[in-house]
Protein backbone atom coordinates (compact mmCIF):
# COMPACT_ATOMS: atom_id res chain seq x y z
CA UNK A 1 -0.16 -0.01 -0.07
CA UNK A 2 1.52 3.29 -1.27
CA UNK A 3 1.39 6.14 1.03
CA UNK A 4 0.91 9.49 -0.87
CA UNK A 5 2.62 12.52 0.92
CA UNK A 6 0.48 15.36 1.19
CA UNK A 7 3.07 18.22 0.54
CA UNK A 8 1.85 21.58 1.66
CA UNK A 9 2.07 24.55 -0.79
CA UNK A 10 3.33 27.63 1.81
CA UNK A 11 3.21 31.06 -0.10
CA UNK A 12 6.34 32.97 0.73
CA UNK A 13 5.73 36.80 0.78
CA UNK A 14 9.08 38.41 -0.13
CA UNK A 15 10.11 41.02 1.63
CA UNK A 16 11.21 44.01 -0.36
CA UNK A 17 15.38 44.51 -0.04
CA UNK A 18 16.11 47.76 1.75
CA UNK A 19 18.98 49.01 1.40
CA UNK A 20 19.77 49.75 5.33
CA UNK A 21 21.95 52.57 6.38
CA UNK A 22 25.23 52.02 7.17
CA UNK A 23 27.09 52.26 10.78
CA UNK A 24 29.01 55.19 9.45
CA UNK A 25 25.80 57.35 8.09
CA UNK A 26 24.02 56.68 10.71
CA UNK A 27 26.87 58.06 13.28
CA UNK A 28 27.30 61.27 11.10
CA UNK A 29 23.53 61.69 11.29
CA UNK A 30 23.98 61.15 14.83
CA UNK A 31 26.53 63.66 15.26
CA UNK A 32 24.63 66.38 13.39
CA UNK A 33 21.55 66.01 15.17
CA UNK A 34 23.89 66.26 18.35
CA UNK A 35 24.97 69.73 17.06
CA UNK A 36 21.61 70.98 15.51
CA UNK A 37 19.03 69.65 18.24
CA UNK A 38 20.76 68.46 21.59
CA UNK A 39 23.30 71.42 21.93
CA UNK A 40 20.55 74.42 21.77
CA UNK A 41 18.43 72.52 24.23
CA UNK A 42 21.53 72.11 26.79
CA UNK A 43 22.30 75.68 26.10
CA UNK A 44 18.75 77.09 27.27
CA UNK A 45 18.27 74.28 29.93
CA UNK A 46 21.71 75.51 31.22
CA UNK A 47 21.57 79.00 30.83
CA UNK A 48 18.22 80.22 30.73
CA UNK A 49 15.82 77.78 32.56
CA UNK A 50 18.77 76.96 35.35
CA UNK A 51 20.71 79.97 35.82
CA UNK A 52 24.26 78.54 34.95
CA UNK A 53 26.24 75.60 35.95
CA UNK A 54 25.73 75.90 39.45
CA UNK A 55 22.08 75.90 38.74
CA UNK A 56 22.71 72.47 36.82
CA UNK A 57 24.67 70.96 39.30
CA UNK A 58 22.18 71.67 42.26
CA UNK A 59 19.30 70.08 40.36
CA UNK A 60 20.89 67.72 37.88
CA UNK A 61 17.96 65.20 37.53
CA UNK A 62 15.55 67.85 36.73
CA UNK A 63 17.98 69.20 34.37
CA UNK A 64 18.53 66.29 32.56
CA UNK A 65 15.01 65.49 32.29
CA UNK A 66 14.42 69.34 30.89
CA UNK A 67 17.24 68.63 28.16
CA UNK A 68 16.31 64.85 27.17
CA UNK A 69 12.17 65.22 27.28
CA UNK A 70 12.49 68.14 24.49
CA UNK A 71 14.89 66.18 22.46
CA UNK A 72 12.62 63.20 22.12
CA UNK A 73 9.56 64.97 21.48
CA UNK A 74 11.67 67.41 18.91
CA UNK A 75 13.10 64.37 17.40
CA UNK A 76 9.63 62.87 17.06
CA UNK A 77 7.83 65.42 15.73
CA UNK A 78 11.01 65.57 12.86
CA UNK A 79 10.34 61.97 12.31
CA UNK A 80 6.69 62.06 12.13
CA UNK A 81 6.40 65.15 9.62
CA UNK A 82 8.81 63.79 7.27
CA UNK A 83 10.81 60.71 8.26
CA UNK A 84 14.03 62.59 8.84
CA UNK A 85 16.02 64.59 11.63
CA UNK A 86 18.20 66.99 10.41
CA UNK A 87 21.27 64.25 10.65
CA UNK A 88 18.95 62.15 8.24
CA UNK A 89 18.10 64.34 6.02
CA UNK A 90 22.17 65.59 5.42
CA UNK A 91 22.72 61.71 4.88
CA UNK A 92 19.52 60.83 2.96
CA UNK A 93 18.56 58.48 5.52
CA UNK A 94 14.80 57.92 6.33
CA UNK A 95 13.11 56.03 9.12
CA UNK A 96 10.40 53.74 7.92
CA UNK A 97 8.29 50.83 10.15
CA UNK A 98 10.03 47.83 9.00
CA UNK A 99 6.81 46.08 8.67
CA UNK A 100 5.10 48.34 5.66
CA UNK A 101 7.91 50.54 4.73
CA UNK A 102 6.15 53.96 5.45
CA UNK A 103 6.68 56.37 7.80
CA UNK A 104 5.84 54.99 11.51
CA UNK A 105 3.08 55.94 13.63
CA UNK A 106 3.85 58.73 16.06
CA UNK A 107 3.50 56.54 19.09
CA UNK A 108 5.88 54.08 17.58
CA UNK A 109 8.36 57.28 17.41
CA UNK A 110 7.97 58.39 20.58
CA UNK A 111 8.32 54.66 21.72
CA UNK A 112 11.58 54.15 19.58
CA UNK A 113 12.96 57.38 21.13
CA UNK A 114 12.64 56.51 24.80
CA UNK A 115 14.14 53.04 23.79
CA UNK A 116 17.01 55.16 22.01
CA UNK A 117 18.05 57.01 25.30
CA UNK A 118 18.05 53.69 27.12
CA UNK A 119 20.26 52.32 24.12
CA UNK A 120 22.54 55.28 24.47
CA UNK A 121 22.83 55.14 28.31
CA UNK A 122 23.35 51.50 28.45
CA UNK A 123 25.58 51.25 25.21
CA UNK A 124 24.66 47.88 24.79
CA UNK A 125 21.87 49.19 22.18
CA UNK A 126 24.03 51.00 20.02
CA UNK A 127 26.86 48.47 20.26
CA UNK A 128 24.27 46.02 18.41
CA UNK A 129 24.38 47.62 15.11
CA UNK A 130 27.96 46.68 15.02
CA UNK A 131 27.07 42.94 15.05
CA UNK A 132 24.15 43.00 12.78
CA UNK A 133 24.27 42.70 8.79
CA UNK A 134 20.98 45.18 8.52
CA UNK A 135 23.20 47.42 11.14
CA UNK A 136 19.68 47.81 13.24
CA UNK A 137 20.12 48.82 17.06
CA UNK A 138 18.12 47.49 20.08
CA UNK A 139 15.45 50.82 19.67
CA UNK A 140 14.96 49.90 16.02
CA UNK A 141 14.19 46.43 16.70
CA UNK A 142 12.08 47.01 19.55
CA UNK A 143 9.79 49.43 17.68
CA UNK A 144 10.19 47.55 14.27
CA UNK A 145 11.46 50.16 12.67
CA UNK A 146 14.78 50.78 10.54
CA UNK A 147 16.89 53.39 8.83
CA UNK A 148 17.03 53.13 5.21
CA UNK A 149 18.90 54.71 2.81
CA UNK A 150 16.79 56.92 0.32
């Protein structure tokens, strides 16, 4: 008696080939964003809100919150409006939702930015891009986003 083996046909949906932004271009974009977005915020917090270095020294936690919250929101607005911060725009990089290839939602972008802060302080999250072929960081993996060349 012969047994007929039933082969299940599987349909594979091919993901479009993406050109992920390289480590170097992501790093250069990060530096530009630090100078164009972070430095003005630090200046405003240090000298206009806290009255100088001594005021910042007295209230460090408040000072860092006053620096990073506006930075996270400002970056989220840039990413939501056009998929690019000034640094990403300078190097023709765009942030996309990995599943759809489109612009991520504002909530996902905010989540990604908070995770990026965690990645930055632990360094582990940023170091991941050196060991992955798609150069994704921890915050990209957690938010299912990707930085791609345009």
